[in-house]
Amino acid sequence: MHALRFHECGKPAEVLRLEELPPADLLDGEVRLRILAAPVNPADLNFIEGNYGVKPELPAVPGIEGCGEVVESRSPDFQPGERAILLRRAGTWADEASLPGEHLFKLPAGIDPLQAAMLKVNPATAWRLLTAFGTPPAGSWIVQNAANSGVGRGVIVVARTLGIRTMNLVRRAELRDELLALGADEVVTDDDSAVESAKTLLGKDRPHLAFNGVGGESALRLMNLLAPGGIHVTYGAMSRRPLTVPNGQLIFKDLQIRGLWVTRWIESAPREELDAVYGRLAGLMLSGELSVPVAATYPLQDFKAALEQVAGSSRNGKILFVP
């Protein structure tokens, strides 16, 4: 098998190597997957750089999510030809991966493998954002930044199914019509005018939940839009700028500042809960309601070109490896 592997942490384009590795022996209860698609996520890059919440055991194969087809199984729950996503880190930037069947979620027939490869992290994060901190009642508002991201799009779609309205902040004004077509209720540009623009559209209503994937000034704008006692949840830091909380937001508005790491939920939730959530999200993906734009796909050997496009400023969609 071939895999992208790194022997030291650093800049991904500099430390990654395409290597030929012997296939692992399959143990009782394990499944061998031929990887069909694996996205390049910011968390993957942070993992390679050594800046992620989990440190790599070197040498390591990156790839926190992906979709594969069963080619060999020693688990009674999976048969060759079935497709699944990996719920645990198993190094998906490779031709194949082997892991216990209990760490897989079986996909419904007919689902697009490119979309399924992105099911584990972003849609589940969107679901948890909307349900883990007290699901807002139908008709109420949430506010989020990074609304065009994979998580942001997931929030828009899932919120619509729950009857929750979304106020969405985006960096580029030209994204407005696209997100409105997806089901967003309101979209404003994430700049110095965002707070007043959003307040005008909200009227007297104020959201009690805010989802921050950016940090810096954008995170502060969400705080300014929250109702007193509201919950500000950080799940990412795209700007790589710290979260600064003014004293007044805590003293006078009594905001709750929380964080969400979906990996912790995946590792601790009962299997029945995981199956129910991923089953619901897979159904939305199968119907076409839940989807993430794909900018390009690359074979493993073209990883430097893939990483270069990931770093580009004009990209609109995810980059995936298709081994």
Protein backbone atom coordinates (compact mmCIF):
# COMPACT_ATOMS: atom_id res chain seq x y z
CA MET A 1 0.00 0.00 0.00
CA HIS A 2 1.01 3.62 -0.48
CA ALA A 3 0.52 6.33 2.13
CA LEU A 4 1.52 9.90 2.81
CA ARG A 5 3.64 9.83 5.95
CA PHE A 6 5.74 12.24 8.00
CA HIS A 7 8.62 11.44 10.33
CA GLU A 8 8.82 14.85 11.99
CA CYS A 9 6.37 17.69 12.53
CA GLY A 10 6.62 20.74 10.32
CA LYS A 11 5.20 22.37 7.23
CA PRO A 12 3.13 19.69 5.47
CA ALA A 13 4.61 20.22 2.00
CA GLU A 14 8.10 19.84 3.44
CA VAL A 15 7.71 16.87 5.79
CA LEU A 16 5.21 14.65 3.93
CA ARG A 17 6.52 11.78 1.83
CA LEU A 18 4.69 9.24 -0.34
CA GLU A 19 5.89 5.90 0.96
CA GLU A 20 5.22 2.25 0.19
CA LEU A 21 4.23 0.34 3.34
CA PRO A 22 3.43 -3.34 3.96
CA PRO A 23 -0.30 -3.97 4.53
CA ALA A 24 -1.23 -4.59 8.14
CA ASP A 25 -2.35 -8.07 9.21
CA LEU A 26 -6.10 -8.13 9.80
CA LEU A 27 -7.09 -9.08 13.36
CA ASP A 28 -10.37 -10.56 14.57
CA GLY A 29 -13.10 -7.92 14.40
CA GLU A 30 -11.16 -5.71 12.02
CA VAL A 31 -12.03 -4.46 8.54
CA ARG A 32 -9.75 -3.48 5.67
CA LEU A 33 -10.98 -0.57 3.55
CA ARG A 34 -9.86 0.64 0.17
CA ILE A 35 -9.92 4.41 0.64
CA LEU A 36 -12.14 6.07 -1.96
CA ALA A 37 -11.77 9.68 -0.81
CA ALA A 38 -10.22 11.61 2.08
CA PRO A 39 -10.49 15.39 2.56
CA VAL A 40 -7.76 17.81 3.55
CA ASN A 41 -8.98 19.48 6.73
CA PRO A 42 -7.35 22.30 8.71
CA ALA A 43 -7.06 19.83 11.59
CA ASP A 44 -4.99 17.53 9.37
CA LEU A 45 -2.53 20.33 8.66
CA ASN A 46 -2.36 21.27 12.35
CA PHE A 47 -1.74 17.61 13.18
CA ILE A 48 1.22 17.47 10.80
CA GLU A 49 2.56 20.75 12.18
CA GLY A 50 2.28 19.43 15.73
CA ASN A 51 -0.28 22.09 16.73
CA TYR A 52 -3.36 19.88 17.13
CA GLY A 53 -5.02 18.69 20.34
CA VAL A 54 -3.61 15.18 19.70
CA LYS A 55 0.13 14.79 19.12
CA PRO A 56 1.25 12.35 16.41
CA GLU A 57 3.15 9.17 17.20
CA LEU A 58 5.89 9.41 14.60
CA PRO A 59 6.11 8.32 11.88
CA ALA A 60 2.45 9.05 11.22
CA VAL A 61 -0.06 8.94 8.37
CA PRO A 62 -2.45 11.93 8.49
CA GLY A 63 -6.13 11.95 7.59
CA ILE A 64 -8.85 12.24 10.25
CA GLU A 65 -11.76 11.22 8.04
CA GLY A 66 -12.54 9.41 4.82
CA CYS A 67 -14.80 7.03 2.95
CA GLY A 68 -13.79 3.52 1.99
CA GLU A 69 -15.01 0.26 0.49
CA VAL A 70 -14.62 -3.00 2.39
CA VAL A 71 -12.13 -5.31 0.66
CA GLU A 72 -11.61 -7.74 3.56
CA SER A 73 -13.49 -8.23 6.80
CA ARG A 74 -13.07 -10.22 9.99
CA SER A 75 -16.04 -8.41 11.52
CA PRO A 76 -19.55 -9.92 11.34
CA ASP A 77 -20.96 -6.44 10.76
CA PHE A 78 -19.23 -5.76 7.42
CA GLN A 79 -19.03 -7.57 4.12
CA PRO A 80 -16.77 -6.92 1.10
CA GLY A 81 -18.26 -4.30 -1.22
CA GLU A 82 -19.99 -2.34 1.55
CA ARG A 83 -18.94 1.24 2.13
CA ALA A 84 -18.23 2.99 5.39
CA ILE A 85 -16.74 6.08 6.97
CA LEU A 86 -14.09 5.98 9.67
CA LEU A 87 -15.20 7.32 13.04
CA ARG A 88 -11.72 7.11 14.56
CA ARG A 89 -8.40 8.44 13.32
CA ALA A 90 -6.82 5.76 11.13
CA GLY A 91 -4.65 7.62 8.62
CA THR A 92 -6.84 8.01 5.56
CA TRP A 93 -4.25 9.70 3.34
CA ALA A 94 -3.42 6.24 2.04
CA ASP A 95 -4.57 3.52 -0.35
CA GLU A 96 -6.16 1.56 2.46
CA ALA A 97 -6.80 1.50 6.18
CA SER A 98 -7.51 -1.30 8.65
CA LEU A 99 -9.40 -0.78 11.91
CA PRO A 100 -11.99 -2.43 14.18
CA GLY A 101 -15.49 -2.66 12.74
CA GLU A 102 -16.84 -0.85 15.80
CA HIS A 103 -14.93 2.25 14.64
CA LEU A 104 -16.84 2.39 11.35
CA PHE A 105 -20.26 3.64 10.30
CA LYS A 106 -21.88 1.73 7.44
CA LEU A 107 -23.12 4.03 4.70
CA PRO A 108 -26.44 3.79 2.88
CA ALA A 109 -26.21 2.57 -0.70
CA GLY A 110 -25.95 5.25 -3.35
CA ILE A 111 -24.28 7.98 -1.32
CA ASP A 112 -21.58 9.98 -3.14
CA PRO A 113 -18.20 8.82 -1.75
CA LEU A 114 -16.74 12.34 -2.04
CA GLN A 115 -19.52 13.76 0.11
CA ALA A 116 -19.49 10.77 2.46
CA ALA A 117 -15.77 11.30 3.04
CA MET A 118 -16.69 14.64 4.65
CA LEU A 119 -19.53 13.28 6.82
CA LYS A 120 -17.65 12.51 10.03
CA VAL A 121 -16.42 15.93 11.14
CA ASN A 122 -18.27 18.96 9.81
CA PRO A 123 -21.89 17.75 9.69
CA ALA A 124 -21.53 16.13 13.11
CA THR A 125 -19.99 19.33 14.48
CA ALA A 126 -22.99 21.25 13.12
CA TRP A 127 -25.37 18.80 14.79
CA ARG A 128 -23.59 19.05 18.13
CA LEU A 129 -23.48 22.85 17.99
CA LEU A 130 -27.25 22.92 17.60
CA THR A 131 -28.08 20.22 20.15
CA ALA A 132 -25.35 19.95 22.79
CA PHE A 133 -25.99 23.30 24.50
CA GLY A 134 -29.76 23.17 24.62
CA THR A 135 -31.54 23.02 21.28
CA PRO A 136 -33.10 26.43 20.55
CA PRO A 137 -36.88 26.39 20.10
CA ALA A 138 -38.30 26.48 16.60
CA GLY A 139 -38.47 30.02 15.24
CA SER A 140 -35.59 31.33 17.34
CA TRP A 141 -32.24 32.54 16.00
CA ILE A 142 -28.65 31.37 16.17
CA VAL A 143 -25.74 33.41 14.83
CA GLN A 144 -22.51 32.05 13.34
CA ASN A 145 -19.39 33.20 11.53
CA ALA A 146 -17.55 31.19 8.87
CA ALA A 147 -20.99 30.41 7.48
CA ASN A 148 -19.57 29.27 4.14
CA SER A 149 -17.35 26.65 5.77
CA GLY A 150 -18.28 22.97 5.90
CA VAL A 151 -19.53 23.38 9.46
CA GLY A 152 -21.35 26.61 8.64
CA ARG A 153 -23.18 25.04 5.73
CA GLY A 154 -24.07 22.08 7.91
CA VAL A 155 -25.49 24.40 10.56
CA ILE A 156 -27.70 26.10 7.95
CA VAL A 157 -29.10 22.80 6.67
CA VAL A 158 -29.58 21.10 10.04
CA ALA A 159 -31.03 24.26 11.62
CA ARG A 160 -33.61 24.42 8.84
CA THR A 161 -34.72 20.85 9.60
CA LEU A 162 -35.17 21.86 13.25
CA GLY A 163 -37.06 25.06 12.41
CA ILE A 164 -34.25 27.29 13.74
CA ARG A 165 -33.38 30.54 11.95
CA THR A 166 -29.77 31.38 11.11
CA MET A 167 -27.94 34.72 11.03
CA ASN A 168 -24.78 34.09 9.03
CA LEU A 169 -21.54 36.10 8.85
CA VAL A 170 -19.30 35.60 5.80
CA ARG A 171 -16.06 37.22 4.65
CA ARG A 172 -17.21 37.82 1.06
CA ALA A 173 -20.47 39.51 0.12
CA GLU A 174 -20.79 37.48 -3.08
CA LEU A 175 -21.52 34.36 -0.99
CA ARG A 176 -24.85 35.79 0.18
CA ASP A 177 -27.09 34.47 -2.62
CA GLU A 178 -25.48 31.02 -2.49
CA LEU A 179 -26.13 30.64 1.23
CA LEU A 180 -29.66 32.01 0.97
CA ALA A 181 -30.34 29.36 -1.68
CA LEU A 182 -28.97 26.75 0.74
CA GLY A 183 -31.53 27.81 3.34
CA ALA A 184 -29.87 30.61 5.32
CA ASP A 185 -32.33 33.15 6.70
CA GLU A 186 -29.99 36.15 6.72
CA VAL A 187 -26.41 36.71 5.55
CA VAL A 188 -24.22 39.73 6.36
CA THR A 189 -20.59 40.52 5.60
CA ASP A 190 -18.25 39.86 8.52
CA ASP A 191 -16.72 43.33 8.80
CA ASP A 192 -17.05 46.41 11.02
CA SER A 193 -20.65 46.90 9.85
CA ALA A 194 -21.76 43.33 10.68
CA VAL A 195 -23.17 43.97 14.16
CA GLU A 196 -25.39 46.90 13.17
CA SER A 197 -26.48 45.17 9.96
CA ALA A 198 -27.42 42.01 11.86
CA LYS A 199 -29.23 43.93 14.61
CA THR A 200 -31.33 45.73 12.01
CA LEU A 201 -32.36 42.40 10.49
CA LEU A 202 -32.99 40.73 13.86
CA GLY A 203 -35.15 43.55 15.20
CA LYS A 204 -35.78 42.97 18.91
CA ASP A 205 -34.79 39.31 18.74
CA ARG A 206 -31.36 38.26 19.95
CA PRO A 207 -29.88 34.79 19.53
CA HIS A 208 -28.97 32.76 22.61
CA LEU A 209 -26.42 30.63 20.73
CA ALA A 210 -23.40 31.78 18.72
CA PHE A 211 -20.96 29.51 16.85
CA ASN A 212 -17.40 30.76 16.37
CA GLY A 213 -15.02 29.13 13.90
CA VAL A 214 -12.81 32.17 13.31
CA GLY A 215 -11.63 33.93 16.49
CA GLY A 216 -10.35 37.50 16.79
CA GLU A 217 -12.67 40.41 15.97
CA SER A 218 -15.19 38.10 14.31
CA ALA A 219 -15.70 36.21 17.58
CA LEU A 220 -16.28 39.51 19.39
CA ARG A 221 -18.98 40.46 16.88
CA LEU A 222 -20.86 37.30 17.81
CA MET A 223 -20.66 38.24 21.50
CA ASN A 224 -22.11 41.65 20.71
CA LEU A 225 -25.07 40.00 18.98
CA LEU A 226 -25.87 37.49 21.73
CA ALA A 227 -28.70 37.96 24.20
CA PRO A 228 -27.78 38.31 27.89
CA GLY A 229 -26.95 34.89 29.29
CA GLY A 230 -26.25 33.56 25.79
CA ILE A 231 -23.76 30.82 24.97
CA HIS A 232 -20.75 31.51 22.73
CA VAL A 233 -19.28 28.25 21.40
CA THR A 234 -15.86 28.08 19.73
CA TYR A 235 -15.15 25.07 17.51
CA GLY A 236 -12.34 26.43 15.33
CA ALA A 237 -9.85 29.26 14.89
CA MET A 238 -9.49 29.91 11.16
CA SER A 239 -7.95 33.34 11.68
CA ARG A 240 -5.42 31.87 14.14
CA ARG A 241 -6.16 34.87 16.34
CA PRO A 242 -6.99 34.36 20.02
CA LEU A 243 -10.40 34.67 21.57
CA THR A 244 -10.47 37.86 23.67
CA VAL A 245 -13.46 38.29 25.97
CA PRO A 246 -14.16 41.85 27.21
CA ASN A 247 -14.98 42.05 30.90
CA GLY A 248 -18.36 43.61 30.18
CA GLN A 249 -19.50 40.60 28.17
CA LEU A 250 -19.03 38.45 31.27
CA ILE A 251 -20.10 40.90 33.97
CA PHE A 252 -23.06 42.69 32.40
CA LYS A 253 -24.24 40.14 29.82
CA ASP A 254 -23.28 37.02 31.78
CA LEU A 255 -22.24 35.22 28.59
CA GLN A 256 -21.14 31.60 28.76
CA ILE A 257 -17.94 30.87 26.82
CA ARG A 258 -17.79 27.23 25.74
CA GLY A 259 -15.85 25.04 23.35
CA LEU A 260 -16.68 22.05 21.18
CA TRP A 261 -14.36 19.31 19.90
CA VAL A 262 -16.45 16.76 18.04
CA THR A 263 -13.76 14.08 18.46
CA ARG A 264 -14.43 13.98 22.19
CA TRP A 265 -18.13 13.31 21.54
CA ILE A 266 -17.37 10.58 18.98
CA GLU A 267 -15.09 8.81 21.46
CA SER A 268 -17.50 9.04 24.42
CA ALA A 269 -21.04 8.86 23.00
CA PRO A 270 -23.00 5.58 23.17
CA ARG A 271 -22.97 3.64 19.91
CA GLU A 272 -26.74 4.02 19.60
CA GLU A 273 -26.40 7.80 19.68
CA LEU A 274 -23.64 7.78 17.05
CA ASP A 275 -25.69 5.56 14.75
CA ALA A 276 -28.78 7.75 15.17
CA VAL A 277 -26.94 11.01 14.47
CA TYR A 278 -24.86 9.74 11.56
CA GLY A 279 -27.89 7.95 10.14
CA ARG A 280 -29.84 11.20 10.12
CA LEU A 281 -26.95 13.16 8.61
CA ALA A 282 -26.26 10.47 5.98
CA GLY A 283 -29.93 10.64 4.99
CA LEU A 284 -29.66 14.40 4.46
CA MET A 285 -26.50 13.83 2.40
CA LEU A 286 -28.09 11.05 0.34
CA SER A 287 -31.07 13.29 -0.50
CA GLY A 288 -28.75 16.09 -1.60
CA GLU A 289 -29.93 18.50 1.12
CA LEU A 290 -26.56 18.36 2.87
CA SER A 291 -23.53 18.82 0.64
CA VAL A 292 -20.16 20.53 0.62
CA PRO A 293 -18.68 22.06 -2.55
CA VAL A 294 -15.64 20.19 -3.86
CA ALA A 295 -12.97 22.41 -5.40
CA ALA A 296 -10.69 19.62 -6.67
CA THR A 297 -9.51 16.05 -6.15
CA TYR A 298 -5.92 14.79 -6.31
CA PRO A 299 -4.14 11.43 -6.27
CA LEU A 300 -1.76 10.94 -3.37
CA GLN A 301 1.33 11.53 -5.48
CA ASP A 302 0.16 15.06 -6.27
CA PHE A 303 -0.04 16.05 -2.61
CA LYS A 304 2.10 19.16 -3.03
CA ALA A 305 -0.30 20.55 -5.64
CA ALA A 306 -3.22 19.70 -3.37
CA LEU A 307 -1.63 21.50 -0.42
CA GLU A 308 -0.83 24.50 -2.58
CA GLN A 309 -4.48 24.78 -3.62
CA VAL A 310 -5.62 24.38 0.00
CA ALA A 311 -3.50 27.41 0.90
CA GLY A 312 -4.90 29.51 -1.97
CA SER A 313 -7.19 32.41 -1.17
CA SER A 314 -9.59 31.95 -4.11
CA ARG A 315 -10.60 28.35 -3.37
CA ASN A 316 -14.34 27.74 -2.93
CA GLY A 317 -14.74 24.16 -1.79
CA LYS A 318 -12.87 21.27 -0.23
CA ILE A 319 -9.78 19.51 -1.54
CA LEU A 320 -9.82 15.72 -1.38
CA PHE A 321 -7.37 12.92 -2.04
CA VAL A 322 -8.75 10.09 -4.17
CA PRO A 323 -6.18 7.29 -3.81
